[in-house]
Amino acid sequence: MEGNNLLTVIETMRRHGPPDVAAWLEEGFSRYIESGGNLEQILGLRAEGFSARSWRQEYLKGVRDKHLREAHALCSGESSWQRSVDLENEIRRFQTIHWPMLRDHDTPPENLSRLRQLLFWACKTGMTMPGSVRQIHNICGNKDL
């Protein structure tokens, strides 16, 4: 039963978590149980306003960018800019050729190169992939400009 799981989480946080986080979680879960409202909103995890990003979107963008930075390091090119150009080509090729067949997979096939496995995980976040060399370079580092 989900209610018992919430109570277990609260009790675990009381015993092992920071007191301020335990109090925040207990108060939020209590309001959620009493009101039946939206838990994300009650806990203050949903950003307000049309252009505001939610905490979930920020997290997923960070995950996407981590995979892109790892892929960037595997690209060919002597400079960071050249690796960004190479990655832009790889992303376009991956999204055109591989992603349509892989989007419903839970994990990438083992026969994909490490670079394409990283692109799989970046795409799997559901966040829009960068569409220009400049965007990739801004994400992956522009140390040598």
N, C-alpha and C. Protein backbone atom coordinates (compact mmCIF):
# COMPACT_ATOMS: atom_id res chain seq x y z
N MET A 1 0.84 -1.19 0.00
CA MET A 1 0.00 0.00 0.00
C MET A 1 0.88 1.24 0.00
N GLU A 2 0.57 2.21 -0.89
CA GLU A 2 1.40 3.39 -1.06
C GLU A 2 1.47 4.25 0.21
N GLY A 3 0.36 4.34 0.93
CA GLY A 3 0.34 5.14 2.16
C GLY A 3 1.35 4.64 3.17
N ASN A 4 1.43 3.33 3.31
CA ASN A 4 2.42 2.77 4.24
C ASN A 4 3.84 3.07 3.77
N ASN A 5 4.06 3.09 2.45
CA ASN A 5 5.39 3.42 1.93
C ASN A 5 5.76 4.86 2.28
N LEU A 6 4.79 5.77 2.19
CA LEU A 6 5.06 7.16 2.56
C LEU A 6 5.43 7.26 4.04
N LEU A 7 4.71 6.54 4.87
CA LEU A 7 5.02 6.56 6.30
C LEU A 7 6.40 5.98 6.57
N THR A 8 6.79 4.95 5.82
CA THR A 8 8.12 4.36 5.96
C THR A 8 9.20 5.36 5.57
N VAL A 9 8.96 6.10 4.49
CA VAL A 9 9.92 7.12 4.06
C VAL A 9 10.06 8.20 5.13
N ILE A 10 8.94 8.65 5.68
CA ILE A 10 8.98 9.67 6.73
C ILE A 10 9.78 9.16 7.93
N GLU A 11 9.49 7.95 8.36
CA GLU A 11 10.19 7.39 9.52
C GLU A 11 11.68 7.22 9.25
N THR A 12 12.03 6.78 8.05
CA THR A 12 13.44 6.63 7.68
C THR A 12 14.14 7.98 7.70
N MET A 13 13.49 9.00 7.17
CA MET A 13 14.08 10.34 7.18
C MET A 13 14.24 10.87 8.60
N ARG A 14 13.27 10.61 9.46
CA ARG A 14 13.38 11.04 10.85
C ARG A 14 14.62 10.44 11.51
N ARG A 15 14.86 9.17 11.24
CA ARG A 15 15.98 8.46 11.89
C ARG A 15 17.34 8.76 11.27
N HIS A 16 17.36 8.89 9.93
CA HIS A 16 18.65 8.93 9.25
C HIS A 16 18.92 10.19 8.43
N GLY A 17 17.92 11.01 8.25
CA GLY A 17 18.09 12.18 7.39
C GLY A 17 18.38 13.44 8.18
N PRO A 18 18.78 14.48 7.48
CA PRO A 18 18.94 15.79 8.12
C PRO A 18 17.59 16.24 8.68
N PRO A 19 17.57 16.79 9.88
CA PRO A 19 16.30 17.17 10.51
C PRO A 19 15.44 18.12 9.67
N ASP A 20 16.08 19.08 9.00
CA ASP A 20 15.29 20.04 8.22
C ASP A 20 14.64 19.37 7.01
N VAL A 21 15.34 18.42 6.39
CA VAL A 21 14.77 17.70 5.25
C VAL A 21 13.66 16.77 5.71
N ALA A 22 13.89 16.12 6.86
CA ALA A 22 12.86 15.23 7.41
C ALA A 22 11.59 16.01 7.73
N ALA A 23 11.74 17.20 8.32
CA ALA A 23 10.57 18.03 8.65
C ALA A 23 9.84 18.48 7.38
N TRP A 24 10.59 18.90 6.35
CA TRP A 24 10.00 19.32 5.08
C TRP A 24 9.23 18.18 4.44
N LEU A 25 9.84 17.00 4.42
CA LEU A 25 9.20 15.85 3.80
C LEU A 25 7.96 15.42 4.59
N GLU A 26 8.07 15.40 5.91
CA GLU A 26 6.93 15.00 6.74
C GLU A 26 5.76 15.97 6.57
N GLU A 27 6.06 17.26 6.58
CA GLU A 27 5.00 18.24 6.40
C GLU A 27 4.36 18.11 5.01
N GLY A 28 5.20 17.95 3.99
CA GLY A 28 4.67 17.80 2.63
C GLY A 28 3.84 16.55 2.46
N PHE A 29 4.34 15.42 2.96
CA PHE A 29 3.58 14.17 2.85
C PHE A 29 2.27 14.26 3.63
N SER A 30 2.31 14.90 4.80
CA SER A 30 1.09 15.06 5.60
C SER A 30 0.05 15.88 4.84
N ARG A 31 0.49 17.00 4.23
CA ARG A 31 -0.45 17.82 3.45
C ARG A 31 -0.96 17.04 2.25
N TYR A 32 -0.10 16.23 1.64
CA TYR A 32 -0.50 15.42 0.49
C TYR A 32 -1.56 14.39 0.90
N ILE A 33 -1.32 13.71 2.01
CA ILE A 33 -2.27 12.68 2.49
C ILE A 33 -3.61 13.32 2.84
N GLU A 34 -3.56 14.49 3.49
CA GLU A 34 -4.80 15.17 3.90
C GLU A 34 -5.57 15.73 2.71
N SER A 35 -4.86 16.33 1.75
CA SER A 35 -5.55 17.03 0.66
C SER A 35 -5.74 16.20 -0.59
N GLY A 36 -4.86 15.21 -0.81
CA GLY A 36 -4.93 14.44 -2.04
C GLY A 36 -4.51 15.24 -3.26
N GLY A 37 -3.81 16.35 -3.03
CA GLY A 37 -3.39 17.21 -4.13
C GLY A 37 -2.21 16.63 -4.89
N ASN A 38 -1.55 17.49 -5.64
CA ASN A 38 -0.40 17.11 -6.44
C ASN A 38 0.85 17.15 -5.57
N LEU A 39 1.50 15.99 -5.37
CA LEU A 39 2.65 15.89 -4.47
C LEU A 39 3.80 16.79 -4.92
N GLU A 40 4.07 16.84 -6.20
CA GLU A 40 5.16 17.68 -6.71
C GLU A 40 4.91 19.15 -6.35
N GLN A 41 3.66 19.58 -6.48
CA GLN A 41 3.32 20.97 -6.17
C GLN A 41 3.37 21.20 -4.66
N ILE A 42 2.84 20.27 -3.88
CA ILE A 42 2.82 20.41 -2.43
C ILE A 42 4.24 20.50 -1.87
N LEU A 43 5.16 19.71 -2.42
CA LEU A 43 6.54 19.74 -1.94
C LEU A 43 7.33 20.93 -2.49
N GLY A 44 6.69 21.71 -3.36
CA GLY A 44 7.36 22.88 -3.91
C GLY A 44 8.37 22.54 -4.99
N LEU A 45 8.17 21.41 -5.64
CA LEU A 45 9.11 20.97 -6.67
C LEU A 45 8.69 21.40 -8.07
N ARG A 46 7.51 21.95 -8.21
CA ARG A 46 7.04 22.39 -9.53
C ARG A 46 7.24 23.89 -9.64
N ALA A 47 7.96 24.29 -10.66
CA ALA A 47 8.18 25.71 -10.91
C ALA A 47 6.87 26.35 -11.37
N GLU A 48 6.70 27.60 -11.03
CA GLU A 48 5.49 28.32 -11.41
C GLU A 48 5.77 29.18 -12.64
N GLY A 49 4.77 29.42 -13.43
CA GLY A 49 4.89 30.30 -14.58
C GLY A 49 5.12 29.53 -15.86
N PHE A 50 4.74 30.15 -16.96
CA PHE A 50 4.81 29.50 -18.27
C PHE A 50 6.23 29.12 -18.66
N SER A 51 7.20 30.00 -18.42
CA SER A 51 8.56 29.75 -18.90
C SER A 51 9.45 29.06 -17.87
N ALA A 52 8.95 28.86 -16.68
CA ALA A 52 9.77 28.26 -15.62
C ALA A 52 9.98 26.77 -15.89
N ARG A 53 11.20 26.32 -15.69
CA ARG A 53 11.51 24.89 -15.84
C ARG A 53 11.24 24.19 -14.51
N SER A 54 10.74 22.99 -14.60
CA SER A 54 10.53 22.23 -13.38
C SER A 54 11.85 21.63 -12.93
N TRP A 55 11.93 21.21 -11.70
CA TRP A 55 13.14 20.57 -11.18
C TRP A 55 13.45 19.32 -12.00
N ARG A 56 12.41 18.63 -12.47
CA ARG A 56 12.60 17.42 -13.27
C ARG A 56 13.27 17.74 -14.60
N GLN A 57 12.82 18.79 -15.24
CA GLN A 57 13.43 19.20 -16.51
C GLN A 57 14.88 19.60 -16.32
N GLU A 58 15.17 20.32 -15.25
CA GLU A 58 16.55 20.72 -14.98
C GLU A 58 17.42 19.49 -14.74
N TYR A 59 16.88 18.53 -14.00
CA TYR A 59 17.62 17.30 -13.75
C TYR A 59 17.89 16.56 -15.06
N LEU A 60 16.86 16.39 -15.89
CA LEU A 60 17.01 15.67 -17.15
C LEU A 60 17.96 16.39 -18.10
N LYS A 61 17.92 17.70 -18.12
CA LYS A 61 18.85 18.47 -18.94
C LYS A 61 20.28 18.22 -18.46
N GLY A 62 20.47 18.17 -17.16
CA GLY A 62 21.80 17.89 -16.61
C GLY A 62 22.29 16.51 -16.99
N VAL A 63 21.39 15.52 -16.95
CA VAL A 63 21.75 14.16 -17.36
C VAL A 63 22.11 14.13 -18.84
N ARG A 64 21.28 14.76 -19.66
CA ARG A 64 21.56 14.83 -21.10
C ARG A 64 22.93 15.45 -21.35
N ASP A 65 23.19 16.57 -20.70
CA ASP A 65 24.45 17.28 -20.91
C ASP A 65 25.65 16.46 -20.44
N LYS A 66 25.50 15.70 -19.37
CA LYS A 66 26.58 14.83 -18.90
C LYS A 66 26.94 13.80 -19.96
N HIS A 67 25.92 13.19 -20.56
CA HIS A 67 26.17 12.20 -21.62
C HIS A 67 26.80 12.87 -22.85
N LEU A 68 26.34 14.07 -23.17
CA LEU A 68 26.91 14.77 -24.32
C LEU A 68 28.37 15.14 -24.08
N ARG A 69 28.71 15.55 -22.85
CA ARG A 69 30.11 15.87 -22.55
C ARG A 69 31.00 14.63 -22.66
N GLU A 70 30.49 13.49 -22.19
CA GLU A 70 31.26 12.24 -22.32
C GLU A 70 31.43 11.87 -23.79
N ALA A 71 30.37 12.04 -24.58
CA ALA A 71 30.45 11.74 -26.01
C ALA A 71 31.42 12.70 -26.70
N HIS A 72 31.39 13.95 -26.31
CA HIS A 72 32.28 14.97 -26.87
C HIS A 72 33.74 14.57 -26.68
N ALA A 73 34.06 14.03 -25.51
CA ALA A 73 35.43 13.62 -25.22
C ALA A 73 35.89 12.47 -26.13
N LEU A 74 34.94 11.71 -26.66
CA LEU A 74 35.27 10.59 -27.54
C LEU A 74 35.38 10.98 -29.01
N CYS A 75 34.99 12.20 -29.33
CA CYS A 75 34.97 12.64 -30.73
C CYS A 75 36.38 12.98 -31.21
N SER A 76 36.53 12.93 -32.53
CA SER A 76 37.83 13.26 -33.11
C SER A 76 37.93 14.76 -33.30
N GLY A 77 39.15 15.23 -33.26
CA GLY A 77 39.43 16.65 -33.43
C GLY A 77 40.46 17.09 -32.42
N GLU A 78 41.35 17.95 -32.86
CA GLU A 78 42.42 18.41 -31.96
C GLU A 78 41.93 19.50 -31.01
N SER A 79 40.92 20.22 -31.42
CA SER A 79 40.40 21.29 -30.56
C SER A 79 39.00 20.93 -30.08
N SER A 80 38.57 21.62 -29.05
CA SER A 80 37.22 21.43 -28.53
C SER A 80 36.19 21.77 -29.60
N TRP A 81 36.44 22.82 -30.38
CA TRP A 81 35.52 23.20 -31.45
C TRP A 81 35.41 22.09 -32.49
N GLN A 82 36.53 21.49 -32.87
CA GLN A 82 36.50 20.41 -33.87
C GLN A 82 35.73 19.20 -33.32
N ARG A 83 35.89 18.92 -32.03
CA ARG A 83 35.12 17.83 -31.43
C ARG A 83 33.63 18.16 -31.40
N SER A 84 33.30 19.43 -31.21
CA SER A 84 31.90 19.86 -31.24
C SER A 84 31.31 19.68 -32.64
N VAL A 85 32.08 20.00 -33.66
CA VAL A 85 31.63 19.80 -35.04
C VAL A 85 31.39 18.31 -35.29
N ASP A 86 32.33 17.48 -34.85
CA ASP A 86 32.20 16.04 -35.02
C ASP A 86 30.97 15.51 -34.27
N LEU A 87 30.77 16.00 -33.04
CA LEU A 87 29.61 15.53 -32.26
C LEU A 87 28.30 15.96 -32.91
N GLU A 88 28.25 17.15 -33.47
CA GLU A 88 27.03 17.60 -34.14
C GLU A 88 26.69 16.66 -35.30
N ASN A 89 27.70 16.25 -36.04
CA ASN A 89 27.49 15.29 -37.13
C ASN A 89 27.02 13.93 -36.59
N GLU A 90 27.63 13.49 -35.50
CA GLU A 90 27.24 12.21 -34.90
C GLU A 90 25.81 12.25 -34.38
N ILE A 91 25.43 13.35 -33.74
CA ILE A 91 24.06 13.49 -33.22
C ILE A 91 23.06 13.44 -34.37
N ARG A 92 23.33 14.19 -35.43
CA ARG A 92 22.41 14.22 -36.57
C ARG A 92 22.28 12.82 -37.18
N ARG A 93 23.40 12.14 -37.36
CA ARG A 93 23.39 10.79 -37.94
C ARG A 93 22.66 9.82 -37.00
N PHE A 94 22.93 9.91 -35.70
CA PHE A 94 22.28 9.03 -34.73
C PHE A 94 20.76 9.24 -34.74
N GLN A 95 20.34 10.49 -34.70
CA GLN A 95 18.90 10.78 -34.65
C GLN A 95 18.19 10.37 -35.94
N THR A 96 18.88 10.42 -37.05
CA THR A 96 18.28 10.06 -38.34
C THR A 96 18.25 8.55 -38.56
N ILE A 97 19.37 7.89 -38.27
CA ILE A 97 19.52 6.48 -38.62
C ILE A 97 19.15 5.54 -37.47
N HIS A 98 19.65 5.82 -36.27
CA HIS A 98 19.53 4.86 -35.16
C HIS A 98 18.32 5.11 -34.24
N TRP A 99 18.11 6.37 -33.88
CA TRP A 99 17.10 6.67 -32.87
C TRP A 99 15.69 6.20 -33.23
N PRO A 100 15.24 6.33 -34.48
CA PRO A 100 13.88 5.85 -34.79
C PRO A 100 13.67 4.36 -34.46
N MET A 101 14.71 3.57 -34.57
CA MET A 101 14.59 2.13 -34.27
C MET A 101 14.84 1.82 -32.80
N LEU A 102 15.47 2.75 -32.07
CA LEU A 102 15.89 2.47 -30.70
C LEU A 102 15.06 3.17 -29.63
N ARG A 103 14.23 4.13 -30.04
CA ARG A 103 13.55 4.96 -29.04
C ARG A 103 12.71 4.18 -28.04
N ASP A 104 12.20 3.02 -28.43
CA ASP A 104 11.37 2.24 -27.52
C ASP A 104 12.18 1.24 -26.69
N HIS A 105 13.48 1.16 -26.92
CA HIS A 105 14.35 0.27 -26.13
C HIS A 105 14.60 0.87 -24.74
N ASP A 106 14.76 0.02 -23.75
CA ASP A 106 15.10 0.49 -22.40
C ASP A 106 16.59 0.76 -22.26
N THR A 107 17.40 0.01 -22.99
CA THR A 107 18.84 0.17 -22.95
C THR A 107 19.38 0.10 -24.38
N PRO A 108 20.56 0.67 -24.60
CA PRO A 108 21.12 0.62 -25.96
C PRO A 108 21.66 -0.77 -26.27
N PRO A 109 21.62 -1.18 -27.52
CA PRO A 109 22.21 -2.46 -27.89
C PRO A 109 23.71 -2.47 -27.58
N GLU A 110 24.22 -3.61 -27.18
CA GLU A 110 25.63 -3.71 -26.82
C GLU A 110 26.55 -3.50 -28.02
N ASN A 111 26.05 -3.73 -29.23
CA ASN A 111 26.91 -3.59 -30.40
C ASN A 111 27.08 -2.13 -30.84
N LEU A 112 26.39 -1.20 -30.19
CA LEU A 112 26.60 0.22 -30.51
C LEU A 112 27.94 0.66 -29.93
N SER A 113 28.60 1.58 -30.61
CA SER A 113 29.84 2.15 -30.08
C SER A 113 29.52 2.88 -28.78
N ARG A 114 30.54 3.11 -27.98
CA ARG A 114 30.36 3.84 -26.71
C ARG A 114 29.76 5.22 -26.98
N LEU A 115 30.23 5.89 -28.02
CA LEU A 115 29.71 7.21 -28.35
C LEU A 115 28.22 7.15 -28.65
N ARG A 116 27.79 6.17 -29.42
CA ARG A 116 26.37 6.06 -29.76
C ARG A 116 25.54 5.60 -28.56
N GLN A 117 26.13 4.83 -27.67
CA GLN A 117 25.42 4.48 -26.43
C GLN A 117 25.17 5.74 -25.60
N LEU A 118 26.16 6.62 -25.54
CA LEU A 118 25.98 7.88 -24.82
C LEU A 118 24.91 8.75 -25.48
N LEU A 119 24.88 8.76 -26.81
CA LEU A 119 23.83 9.52 -27.51
C LEU A 119 22.46 8.90 -27.25
N PHE A 120 22.41 7.57 -27.16
CA PHE A 120 21.15 6.90 -26.81
C PHE A 120 20.65 7.43 -25.47
N TRP A 121 21.53 7.43 -24.46
CA TRP A 121 21.11 7.87 -23.12
C TRP A 121 20.74 9.35 -23.11
N ALA A 122 21.46 10.16 -23.89
CA ALA A 122 21.12 11.58 -23.97
C ALA A 122 19.73 11.77 -24.59
N CYS A 123 19.46 11.03 -25.66
CA CYS A 123 18.13 11.11 -26.30
C CYS A 123 17.04 10.56 -25.37
N LYS A 124 17.37 9.53 -24.62
CA LYS A 124 16.39 8.86 -23.75
C LYS A 124 15.85 9.79 -22.67
N THR A 125 16.59 10.87 -22.35
CA THR A 125 16.08 11.81 -21.34
C THR A 125 14.81 12.51 -21.81
N GLY A 126 14.61 12.54 -23.14
CA GLY A 126 13.44 13.24 -23.67
C GLY A 126 13.66 14.73 -23.86
N MET A 127 14.82 15.21 -23.46
CA MET A 127 15.13 16.63 -23.64
C MET A 127 15.57 16.84 -25.09
N THR A 128 15.25 17.99 -25.64
CA THR A 128 15.63 18.32 -27.01
C THR A 128 17.15 18.27 -27.13
N MET A 129 17.61 17.63 -28.18
CA MET A 129 19.05 17.57 -28.42
C MET A 129 19.51 18.87 -29.07
N PRO A 130 20.72 19.30 -28.76
CA PRO A 130 21.22 20.53 -29.38
C PRO A 130 21.29 20.37 -30.89
N GLY A 131 20.94 21.42 -31.61
CA GLY A 131 20.85 21.34 -33.05
C GLY A 131 21.92 22.10 -33.80
N SER A 132 22.87 22.66 -33.07
CA SER A 132 23.94 23.40 -33.75
C SER A 132 25.26 23.13 -33.06
N VAL A 133 26.33 23.39 -33.80
CA VAL A 133 27.67 23.23 -33.24
C VAL A 133 27.84 24.18 -32.06
N ARG A 134 27.34 25.40 -32.18
CA ARG A 134 27.46 26.39 -31.09
C ARG A 134 26.78 25.88 -29.82
N GLN A 135 25.58 25.32 -29.93
CA GLN A 135 24.89 24.81 -28.74
C GLN A 135 25.70 23.67 -28.10
N ILE A 136 26.20 22.77 -28.93
CA ILE A 136 27.01 21.66 -28.42
C ILE A 136 28.25 22.20 -27.73
N HIS A 137 28.89 23.17 -28.36
CA HIS A 137 30.11 23.73 -27.79
C HIS A 137 29.84 24.44 -26.46
N ASN A 138 28.69 25.11 -26.35
CA ASN A 138 28.33 25.76 -25.08
C ASN A 138 28.11 24.72 -23.98
N ILE A 139 27.57 23.57 -24.32
CA ILE A 139 27.33 22.51 -23.34
C ILE A 139 28.64 21.80 -22.97
N CYS A 140 29.44 21.52 -23.98
CA CYS A 140 30.59 20.63 -23.79
C CYS A 140 31.90 21.33 -23.49
N GLY A 141 31.91 22.62 -23.55
CA GLY A 141 33.12 23.36 -23.18
C GLY A 141 33.74 24.06 -24.36
N ASN A 142 34.02 25.31 -24.17
CA ASN A 142 34.61 26.11 -25.24
C ASN A 142 35.92 26.73 -24.77
N LYS A 143 36.77 25.89 -24.20
CA LYS A 143 38.02 26.35 -23.61
C LYS A 143 38.96 26.98 -24.63
N ASP A 144 38.94 26.49 -25.87
CA ASP A 144 39.96 26.95 -26.80
C ASP A 144 39.44 27.94 -27.85
N LEU A 145 38.38 28.66 -27.52
CA LEU A 145 37.91 29.71 -28.45
C LEU A 145 38.68 30.99 -28.27
